[in-house]
Amino acid sequence: MRLLLVEDDILVASGIKLGLTDAGYAVDWVGSGERAEEVLQRETFDVAVVDIGLPGIDGLELTRRLRRPDVASHDMPVLIITARDALQDRVQGLDLGADDYMVKPFELPELLARLRALLRRSQAATTAVLTFGPLELDTANRHVGIRHDAEAALVPIELGPREWTVLEYLLIHAPKPASKDKLLQALTGWDKEITPNAVEVYVSRLRGKLEPHGVALRSIRGFGYRLELVQP
């Protein structure tokens, strides 16, 4: 999943970015609301984490602007983070369109849990466990495996971090196909270079691990990939 972090404090931003990157997110960071608006005009993200106390356009005004119907990212989940803990600030942030609100300082596990909840809500999912046929991916506990019936034990599948990212994205959008460009964005941020061919590498690795269990990754010519069940 690709996340935009809008935070002007370099130390705070560095700590949050490190924790989210270790958790498997592709994180891009900007230090102002103006820069966030500029970036969002040309790029898409799955969720934004926005600090209120930004220079120039503050986080509340940025959130209000992002919710305008003419903005391409108007339905992107927004999580506000701030040192302000007054009820009025929380109410104002939510009324302006924020999906959630966290007061600093906070623990990383809670931030991760809230982000997972926002992503599930944005994709109309009701559980942290994503399934497709016998395939199960637990986004909270980071377990993935095969379960051929409800009574059977989960057979674990070992995935690398980027294989996990590709599979999670495909599962969230299944049965619809996912574009190669979107998968590429989910894999990396601005500070990492990765070629489009790398997506094919991770898809190939996933095929080798999933197809023996009845789950295939079909190539959609000129577009991307889609999960399908292999007929016996």
Foldseek 3Di string as FASTA:
>chain_A
DEEEEAAQDPVVVVVLVVLVVVLLFAYDYDHALVVVLVVQQPDDGQAYEAEQPGPDQGRLNSLLVLCPPVRPNNLRAYEYEYQDDDPVVQVSSVVSPHPYYYHPPDDSLVVQVVVLVSSCVSLVHDAQWFDDQQWIARSNVGWIAGDNDPPDDGDTDDDDSLLVQLVVVQRSPPQDFAFLVVSVSRNHDPVDDDDSVVSVVSLVVVQVRPVVVQWHWDADPPTGTGIDGHDD
